[in-house]
Amino acid sequence: MDKVKIQGLTLYSLIGVYDFERLQKQRVTADLVMYTDLSKAGLSDDVGDTLDYGKVAQRMVDIADASSFKLLEALANAMVISIFDEFPVEKLRLSLYKPDILDNADNVGISITRERPHSCM
């Protein structure tokens, strides 16, 4: 299976459990690996035959901007559902990070891997 990757996508979201995290949107970064078939696009050289990573990235920005989840896990779940609903992705790995939350760590985050439910096709 082929892969389309987005690395280091910057998002802003109201995310967090603690009161100080709920005061304003925080920077969240995302890495995404989407598994899909790229063979048709490789032959046609037509963007209409591939996974438009620009549209995926914009969708993730929109979801993060509109959300107010407490947990990264919930934000990631909303993103996964949207990607499967809107794009031809068979499997994906999504990592979300809060790089500014702990003074003594470069990053904290989660990674989830999901496959398209059969009912989504």
Protein backbone atom coordinates (compact mmCIF):
# COMPACT_ATOMS: atom_id res chain seq x y z
CA MET A 1 0.00 0.00 0.00
CA ASP A 2 1.23 3.47 -0.88
CA LYS A 3 1.58 6.31 1.61
CA VAL A 4 0.93 10.04 1.64
CA LYS A 5 2.58 11.86 4.56
CA ILE A 6 2.06 15.19 6.24
CA GLN A 7 4.69 16.02 8.86
CA GLY A 8 4.83 18.86 11.34
CA LEU A 9 1.44 20.37 10.51
CA THR A 10 0.79 23.25 12.92
CA LEU A 11 -2.72 23.47 14.35
CA TYR A 12 -4.30 25.60 17.06
CA SER A 13 -6.95 24.17 19.33
CA LEU A 14 -8.62 24.71 22.66
CA ILE A 15 -7.36 21.47 24.20
CA GLY A 16 -6.55 20.34 27.70
CA VAL A 17 -7.90 19.15 31.02
CA TYR A 18 -6.54 21.84 33.33
CA ASP A 19 -8.03 25.31 33.75
CA PHE A 20 -4.90 27.08 32.46
CA GLU A 21 -5.16 25.06 29.24
CA ARG A 22 -8.73 26.20 28.65
CA LEU A 23 -7.91 29.93 28.54
CA GLN A 24 -6.74 30.09 24.93
CA LYS A 25 -5.96 27.91 21.96
CA GLN A 26 -2.73 25.97 22.15
CA ARG A 27 -0.31 24.98 19.44
CA VAL A 28 -0.69 21.34 18.44
CA THR A 29 1.46 19.69 15.80
CA ALA A 30 0.45 16.70 13.72
CA ASP A 31 2.12 13.98 11.70
CA LEU A 32 -0.09 11.91 9.45
CA VAL A 33 0.62 8.84 7.33
CA MET A 34 -2.26 7.91 5.04
CA TYR A 35 -2.28 4.58 3.23
CA THR A 36 -3.96 4.66 -0.17
CA ASP A 37 -3.49 3.44 -3.73
CA LEU A 38 -1.44 5.95 -5.73
CA SER A 39 -1.05 3.84 -8.89
CA LYS A 40 -3.76 5.63 -10.91
CA ALA A 41 -2.21 9.04 -10.18
CA GLY A 42 1.22 7.68 -11.07
CA LEU A 43 -0.06 6.79 -14.53
CA SER A 44 -2.32 9.79 -15.16
CA ASP A 45 -0.26 12.57 -13.56
CA ASP A 46 -3.62 14.09 -12.61
CA VAL A 47 -4.25 15.54 -9.14
CA GLY A 48 -7.84 14.33 -9.39
CA ASP A 49 -6.55 10.76 -9.20
CA THR A 50 -4.62 11.16 -5.98
CA LEU A 51 -5.15 12.01 -2.33
CA ASP A 52 -5.10 15.82 -2.10
CA TYR A 53 -2.89 16.39 0.96
CA GLY A 54 -3.64 20.10 0.88
CA LYS A 55 -7.34 19.42 1.41
CA VAL A 56 -6.55 16.89 4.16
CA ALA A 57 -4.33 19.43 5.93
CA GLN A 58 -6.98 22.15 5.68
CA ARG A 59 -9.61 19.80 7.07
CA MET A 60 -7.37 19.04 10.06
CA VAL A 61 -6.80 22.77 10.62
CA ASP A 62 -10.57 23.37 10.55
CA ILE A 63 -11.33 20.55 12.98
CA ALA A 64 -8.65 21.69 15.44
CA ASP A 65 -9.76 25.30 15.23
CA ALA A 66 -13.42 24.48 15.92
CA SER A 67 -12.86 21.90 18.66
CA SER A 68 -12.73 22.21 22.41
CA PHE A 69 -11.81 18.66 23.45
CA LYS A 70 -10.03 17.97 26.70
CA LEU A 71 -7.93 15.10 25.35
CA LEU A 72 -5.69 14.70 22.33
CA GLU A 73 -7.25 11.26 21.95
CA ALA A 74 -10.67 12.82 21.33
CA LEU A 75 -9.30 15.37 18.87
CA ALA A 76 -7.46 12.61 17.01
CA ASN A 77 -10.63 10.50 16.87
CA ALA A 78 -12.61 13.38 15.34
CA MET A 79 -9.89 13.87 12.73
CA VAL A 80 -9.77 10.17 11.85
CA ILE A 81 -13.54 9.98 11.40
CA SER A 82 -13.48 13.03 9.13
CA ILE A 83 -10.59 11.76 7.01
CA PHE A 84 -12.26 8.39 6.47
CA ASP A 85 -15.57 10.13 5.63
CA GLU A 86 -14.05 12.58 3.15
CA PHE A 87 -10.95 11.04 1.58
CA PRO A 88 -9.91 7.75 -0.10
CA VAL A 89 -7.73 6.52 2.77
CA GLU A 90 -7.63 2.84 3.73
CA LYS A 91 -5.49 3.14 6.84
CA LEU A 92 -3.85 5.99 8.70
CA ARG A 93 -1.50 6.78 11.50
CA LEU A 94 -2.04 10.11 13.22
CA SER A 95 0.28 11.58 15.83
CA LEU A 96 -0.71 14.72 17.73
CA TYR A 97 1.71 16.64 19.94
CA LYS A 98 1.49 19.48 22.44
CA PRO A 99 5.03 20.89 22.21
CA ASP A 100 4.50 23.78 24.61
CA ILE A 101 2.83 22.03 27.55
CA LEU A 102 5.76 20.76 29.67
CA ASP A 103 8.75 22.99 30.40
CA ASN A 104 11.06 20.00 30.82
CA ALA A 105 10.04 18.07 27.67
CA ASP A 106 10.37 18.81 23.97
CA ASN A 107 7.02 17.24 23.22
CA VAL A 108 4.17 15.18 24.60
CA GLY A 109 1.69 13.43 22.39
CA ILE A 110 -0.22 10.42 21.19
CA SER A 111 -0.19 8.24 18.10
CA ILE A 112 -3.12 6.22 16.84
CA THR A 113 -3.39 3.85 13.91
CA ARG A 114 -6.78 3.05 12.40
CA GLU A 115 -8.10 1.15 9.38
CA ARG A 116 -11.14 2.21 7.41
CA PRO A 117 -14.28 0.56 8.71
CA HIS A 118 -15.82 -1.57 5.93
CA SER A 119 -19.08 0.36 6.14
CA CYS A 120 -17.30 3.61 5.06
CA MET A 121 -16.66 2.49 1.49
